[in-house]
């Protein structure tokens, strides 16, 4: 059997060592690798939840706007529905911005 050219060795960039079989790659990256992954997962979870809330407000505002127009309830109801839609859009934009936070400042 020829030495080298194994499957794990082919995916390693020059200058890097292949991880031992059965070992987690995060364990070889340093002591803060798991915290960095955890922080990224928390940011992703919070961003997704806030995006859902913003989407819910946009849909709620659209339904309210449709009902206000259909019932001809006047300017106050229409303005309230439009402000709900705008608020939901702002919340969605904030969650997208929060999801793009850079966590590279963490100690390596």
N, C-alpha and C. Protein backbone atom coordinates (compact mmCIF):
# COMPACT_ATOMS: atom_id res chain seq x y z
N UNK A 1 0.84 -1.18 0.00
CA UNK A 1 0.00 0.00 0.00
C UNK A 1 0.89 1.24 0.00
N UNK A 2 0.58 2.19 -0.82
CA UNK A 2 1.40 3.39 -0.96
C UNK A 2 1.16 4.32 0.21
N UNK A 3 2.21 5.03 0.60
CA UNK A 3 2.11 5.99 1.70
C UNK A 3 1.58 7.31 1.15
N UNK A 4 0.84 8.04 2.00
CA UNK A 4 0.34 9.36 1.60
C UNK A 4 -0.84 9.24 0.66
N UNK A 5 -1.41 10.37 0.35
CA UNK A 5 -2.52 10.40 -0.58
C UNK A 5 -3.81 9.91 -0.01
N UNK A 6 -3.86 9.77 1.34
CA UNK A 6 -5.10 9.34 1.96
C UNK A 6 -6.16 10.40 1.82
N UNK A 7 -7.38 10.01 2.07
CA UNK A 7 -8.51 10.92 1.90
C UNK A 7 -8.38 12.16 2.79
N UNK A 8 -7.99 11.97 4.07
CA UNK A 8 -7.85 13.11 4.98
C UNK A 8 -6.69 13.99 4.59
N UNK A 9 -5.64 13.41 4.06
CA UNK A 9 -4.46 14.20 3.70
C UNK A 9 -4.70 15.03 2.46
N UNK A 10 -5.61 14.64 1.61
CA UNK A 10 -5.86 15.37 0.37
C UNK A 10 -6.61 16.67 0.63
N UNK A 11 -7.40 16.75 1.71
CA UNK A 11 -8.20 17.93 1.99
C UNK A 11 -7.49 18.95 2.86
N UNK A 12 -6.24 18.71 3.20
CA UNK A 12 -5.49 19.61 4.07
C UNK A 12 -4.73 20.61 3.21
N UNK A 13 -4.81 21.88 3.61
CA UNK A 13 -4.08 22.92 2.89
C UNK A 13 -2.59 22.81 3.19
N UNK A 14 -1.75 23.31 2.30
CA UNK A 14 -0.31 23.27 2.56
C UNK A 14 0.02 24.01 3.85
N UNK A 15 0.90 23.43 4.64
CA UNK A 15 1.31 24.05 5.89
C UNK A 15 0.46 23.62 7.07
N UNK A 16 -0.63 22.87 6.86
CA UNK A 16 -1.49 22.40 7.94
C UNK A 16 -1.30 20.90 8.11
N UNK A 17 -1.51 20.44 9.33
CA UNK A 17 -1.46 19.01 9.58
C UNK A 17 -2.87 18.46 9.57
N UNK A 18 -3.00 17.24 9.13
CA UNK A 18 -4.31 16.58 9.15
C UNK A 18 -4.64 16.23 10.59
N UNK A 19 -5.91 16.38 10.96
CA UNK A 19 -6.35 16.01 12.30
C UNK A 19 -6.31 14.50 12.43
N UNK A 20 -6.03 14.06 13.63
CA UNK A 20 -6.00 12.63 13.87
C UNK A 20 -7.40 12.05 13.66
N UNK A 21 -7.48 10.83 13.17
CA UNK A 21 -8.80 10.23 12.95
C UNK A 21 -9.59 10.16 14.25
N UNK A 22 -10.85 10.53 14.18
CA UNK A 22 -11.71 10.49 15.35
C UNK A 22 -11.64 11.72 16.23
N UNK A 23 -10.77 12.65 15.95
CA UNK A 23 -10.67 13.87 16.75
C UNK A 23 -11.46 14.98 16.11
N UNK A 24 -12.06 15.79 16.94
CA UNK A 24 -12.83 16.93 16.45
C UNK A 24 -11.86 18.01 15.98
N UNK A 25 -12.13 18.60 14.82
CA UNK A 25 -11.25 19.64 14.30
C UNK A 25 -11.25 20.87 15.19
N UNK A 26 -12.38 21.16 15.87
CA UNK A 26 -12.44 22.32 16.75
C UNK A 26 -11.50 22.17 17.94
N UNK A 27 -11.24 20.94 18.35
CA UNK A 27 -10.35 20.72 19.49
C UNK A 27 -8.91 21.05 19.14
N UNK A 28 -8.55 21.01 17.88
CA UNK A 28 -7.19 21.32 17.48
C UNK A 28 -7.01 22.80 17.14
N UNK A 29 -8.08 23.59 17.18
CA UNK A 29 -8.00 24.98 16.79
C UNK A 29 -7.63 25.91 17.94
N UNK A 30 -7.73 25.50 19.17
CA UNK A 30 -7.38 26.35 20.29
C UNK A 30 -8.47 26.32 21.34
N UNK A 31 -8.18 26.93 22.48
CA UNK A 31 -9.13 26.84 23.60
C UNK A 31 -10.40 27.65 23.41
N UNK A 32 -10.41 28.64 22.54
CA UNK A 32 -11.59 29.50 22.39
C UNK A 32 -12.45 29.13 21.20
N UNK A 33 -12.14 28.04 20.52
CA UNK A 33 -12.88 27.67 19.31
C UNK A 33 -14.33 27.33 19.63
N UNK A 34 -14.57 26.61 20.72
CA UNK A 34 -15.94 26.23 21.03
C UNK A 34 -16.77 27.42 21.47
N UNK A 35 -16.16 28.40 22.19
CA UNK A 35 -16.90 29.58 22.58
C UNK A 35 -17.28 30.42 21.37
N UNK A 36 -16.38 30.47 20.38
CA UNK A 36 -16.66 31.23 19.16
C UNK A 36 -17.83 30.60 18.41
N UNK A 37 -17.85 29.29 18.33
CA UNK A 37 -18.95 28.60 17.66
C UNK A 37 -20.25 28.82 18.43
N UNK A 38 -20.17 28.79 19.77
CA UNK A 38 -21.36 28.99 20.59
C UNK A 38 -21.90 30.40 20.40
N UNK A 39 -21.03 31.40 20.40
CA UNK A 39 -21.46 32.78 20.20
C UNK A 39 -22.11 32.95 18.83
N UNK A 40 -21.53 32.36 17.80
CA UNK A 40 -22.12 32.46 16.46
C UNK A 40 -23.49 31.79 16.40
N UNK A 41 -23.66 30.67 17.10
CA UNK A 41 -24.96 30.00 17.13
C UNK A 41 -25.99 30.84 17.87
N UNK A 42 -25.58 31.49 18.96
CA UNK A 42 -26.50 32.35 19.71
C UNK A 42 -26.92 33.53 18.86
N UNK A 43 -25.97 34.15 18.17
CA UNK A 43 -26.29 35.29 17.30
C UNK A 43 -27.25 34.86 16.20
N UNK A 44 -27.02 33.70 15.61
CA UNK A 44 -27.90 33.21 14.55
C UNK A 44 -29.31 32.94 15.08
N UNK A 45 -29.40 32.36 16.29
CA UNK A 45 -30.71 32.06 16.88
C UNK A 45 -31.48 33.34 17.20
N UNK A 46 -30.82 34.30 17.82
CA UNK A 46 -31.49 35.56 18.17
C UNK A 46 -31.90 36.30 16.90
N UNK A 47 -31.04 36.32 15.91
CA UNK A 47 -31.36 37.00 14.66
C UNK A 47 -32.57 36.36 13.98
N UNK A 48 -32.63 35.04 14.00
CA UNK A 48 -33.78 34.35 13.40
C UNK A 48 -35.08 34.64 14.13
N UNK A 49 -35.01 34.65 15.46
CA UNK A 49 -36.23 34.93 16.25
C UNK A 49 -36.72 36.35 16.02
N UNK A 50 -35.79 37.31 16.00
CA UNK A 50 -36.19 38.70 15.80
C UNK A 50 -36.70 38.91 14.38
N UNK A 51 -36.12 38.22 13.41
CA UNK A 51 -36.64 38.30 12.03
C UNK A 51 -38.06 37.76 11.95
N UNK A 52 -38.33 36.68 12.66
CA UNK A 52 -39.68 36.13 12.69
C UNK A 52 -40.66 37.14 13.28
N UNK A 53 -40.27 37.79 14.37
CA UNK A 53 -41.11 38.81 14.98
C UNK A 53 -41.39 39.96 14.01
N UNK A 54 -40.36 40.42 13.32
CA UNK A 54 -40.55 41.49 12.34
C UNK A 54 -41.46 41.08 11.20
N UNK A 55 -41.30 39.84 10.72
CA UNK A 55 -42.17 39.34 9.67
C UNK A 55 -43.61 39.24 10.12
N UNK A 56 -43.81 38.82 11.38
CA UNK A 56 -45.16 38.75 11.93
C UNK A 56 -45.79 40.14 11.97
N UNK A 57 -45.01 41.15 12.37
CA UNK A 57 -45.56 42.52 12.41
C UNK A 57 -45.91 43.04 11.03
N UNK A 58 -45.08 42.71 10.04
CA UNK A 58 -45.39 43.14 8.67
C UNK A 58 -46.70 42.52 8.19
N UNK A 59 -46.87 41.23 8.45
CA UNK A 59 -48.11 40.55 8.03
C UNK A 59 -49.30 41.11 8.81
N UNK A 60 -49.14 41.33 10.12
CA UNK A 60 -50.22 41.89 10.94
C UNK A 60 -50.61 43.28 10.43
N UNK A 61 -49.62 44.08 10.10
CA UNK A 61 -49.91 45.42 9.56
C UNK A 61 -50.60 45.37 8.22
N UNK A 62 -50.21 44.42 7.37
CA UNK A 62 -50.85 44.29 6.06
C UNK A 62 -52.30 43.87 6.20
N UNK A 63 -52.58 42.96 7.11
CA UNK A 63 -53.97 42.54 7.35
C UNK A 63 -54.77 43.71 7.90
N UNK A 64 -54.19 44.44 8.86
CA UNK A 64 -54.88 45.60 9.42
C UNK A 64 -55.15 46.67 8.37
N UNK A 65 -54.18 46.85 7.48
CA UNK A 65 -54.36 47.83 6.40
C UNK A 65 -55.49 47.41 5.47
N UNK A 66 -55.51 46.13 5.12
CA UNK A 66 -56.58 45.63 4.26
C UNK A 66 -57.95 45.78 4.90
N UNK A 67 -58.05 45.48 6.18
CA UNK A 67 -59.33 45.63 6.87
C UNK A 67 -59.73 47.10 6.99
N UNK A 68 -58.77 47.98 7.24
CA UNK A 68 -59.09 49.41 7.36
C UNK A 68 -59.56 49.98 6.04
N UNK A 69 -58.96 49.54 4.94
CA UNK A 69 -59.38 50.03 3.63
C UNK A 69 -60.75 49.46 3.26
N UNK A 70 -60.96 48.18 3.56
CA UNK A 70 -62.23 47.55 3.21
C UNK A 70 -63.38 48.18 4.00
N UNK A 71 -63.17 48.40 5.28
CA UNK A 71 -64.23 48.95 6.13
C UNK A 71 -64.33 50.47 6.05
N UNK A 72 -63.42 51.10 5.34
CA UNK A 72 -63.38 52.56 5.20
C UNK A 72 -63.44 53.23 6.57
N UNK A 73 -62.49 52.84 7.44
CA UNK A 73 -62.51 53.30 8.81
C UNK A 73 -61.85 54.66 9.00
N UNK A 74 -61.18 55.16 8.04
CA UNK A 74 -60.60 56.49 8.17
C UNK A 74 -59.09 56.47 8.28
N UNK A 75 -58.55 57.65 8.43
CA UNK A 75 -57.10 57.83 8.38
C UNK A 75 -56.35 57.27 9.57
N UNK A 76 -56.95 57.27 10.75
CA UNK A 76 -56.23 56.81 11.94
C UNK A 76 -55.91 55.32 11.85
N UNK A 77 -56.86 54.52 11.41
CA UNK A 77 -56.62 53.08 11.29
C UNK A 77 -55.61 52.76 10.19
N UNK A 78 -55.70 53.48 9.09
CA UNK A 78 -54.77 53.27 7.99
C UNK A 78 -53.36 53.67 8.40
N UNK A 79 -53.24 54.80 9.10
CA UNK A 79 -51.93 55.24 9.56
C UNK A 79 -51.33 54.26 10.57
N UNK A 80 -52.15 53.71 11.44
CA UNK A 80 -51.68 52.73 12.40
C UNK A 80 -51.18 51.46 11.70
N UNK A 81 -51.90 51.02 10.68
CA UNK A 81 -51.49 49.82 9.94
C UNK A 81 -50.18 50.07 9.17
N UNK A 82 -50.06 51.24 8.57
CA UNK A 82 -48.83 51.55 7.84
C UNK A 82 -47.63 51.65 8.79
N UNK A 83 -47.86 52.23 9.97
CA UNK A 83 -46.75 52.31 10.93
C UNK A 83 -46.37 50.93 11.46
N UNK A 84 -47.32 50.02 11.57
CA UNK A 84 -47.01 48.65 11.98
C UNK A 84 -46.16 47.95 10.92
N UNK A 85 -46.50 48.15 9.66
CA UNK A 85 -45.72 47.57 8.57
C UNK A 85 -44.30 48.15 8.57
N UNK A 86 -44.18 49.46 8.74
CA UNK A 86 -42.86 50.09 8.75
C UNK A 86 -42.05 49.62 9.95
N UNK A 87 -42.68 49.49 11.10
CA UNK A 87 -41.98 48.99 12.28
C UNK A 87 -41.47 47.58 12.09
N UNK A 88 -42.28 46.73 11.48
CA UNK A 88 -41.84 45.36 11.20
C UNK A 88 -40.66 45.33 10.24
N UNK A 89 -40.69 46.20 9.25
CA UNK A 89 -39.57 46.26 8.30
C UNK A 89 -38.29 46.73 8.99
N UNK A 90 -38.40 47.68 9.91
CA UNK A 90 -37.23 48.16 10.65
C UNK A 90 -36.68 47.06 11.55
N UNK A 91 -37.57 46.29 12.17
CA UNK A 91 -37.12 45.17 13.03
C UNK A 91 -36.40 44.11 12.20
N UNK A 92 -36.91 43.81 11.01
CA UNK A 92 -36.25 42.84 10.14
C UNK A 92 -34.86 43.36 9.74
N UNK A 93 -34.76 44.63 9.40
CA UNK A 93 -33.46 45.20 9.03
C UNK A 93 -32.48 45.14 10.21
N UNK A 94 -32.97 45.40 11.41
CA UNK A 94 -32.10 45.33 12.59
C UNK A 94 -31.63 43.90 12.85
N UNK A 95 -32.49 42.92 12.63
CA UNK A 95 -32.08 41.54 12.86
C UNK A 95 -31.05 41.09 11.82
N UNK A 96 -31.20 41.55 10.59
CA UNK A 96 -30.21 41.22 9.57
C UNK A 96 -28.86 41.84 9.94
N UNK A 97 -28.88 43.08 10.42
CA UNK A 97 -27.65 43.74 10.85
C UNK A 97 -27.03 43.01 12.04
N UNK A 98 -27.84 42.59 12.99
CA UNK A 98 -27.36 41.86 14.15
C UNK A 98 -26.74 40.53 13.74
N UNK A 99 -27.31 39.89 12.74
CA UNK A 99 -26.77 38.63 12.26
C UNK A 99 -25.44 38.77 11.55
N UNK A 100 -25.11 39.97 11.11
CA UNK A 100 -23.84 40.20 10.41
C UNK A 100 -22.73 40.67 11.35
N UNK A 101 -22.96 40.63 12.67
CA UNK A 101 -21.94 41.09 13.61
C UNK A 101 -20.66 40.28 13.45
N UNK A 102 -19.54 40.98 13.56
CA UNK A 102 -18.24 40.35 13.41
C UNK A 102 -17.74 39.91 14.79
N UNK A 103 -17.48 38.63 14.93
CA UNK A 103 -16.99 38.11 16.21
C UNK A 103 -15.51 37.79 16.14
N UNK A 104 -14.79 38.36 15.18
CA UNK A 104 -13.37 38.08 15.05
C UNK A 104 -12.55 38.77 16.14
N UNK A 105 -13.16 39.64 16.92
CA UNK A 105 -12.44 40.32 18.00
C UNK A 105 -12.18 39.41 19.18
N UNK A 106 -12.82 38.24 19.19
CA UNK A 106 -12.60 37.29 20.27
C UNK A 106 -11.15 36.83 20.28
N UNK A 107 -10.59 36.55 21.44
CA UNK A 107 -9.19 36.06 21.49
C UNK A 107 -9.06 34.75 20.75
N UNK A 108 -7.98 34.64 20.01
CA UNK A 108 -7.77 33.42 19.20
C UNK A 108 -6.96 32.38 19.90
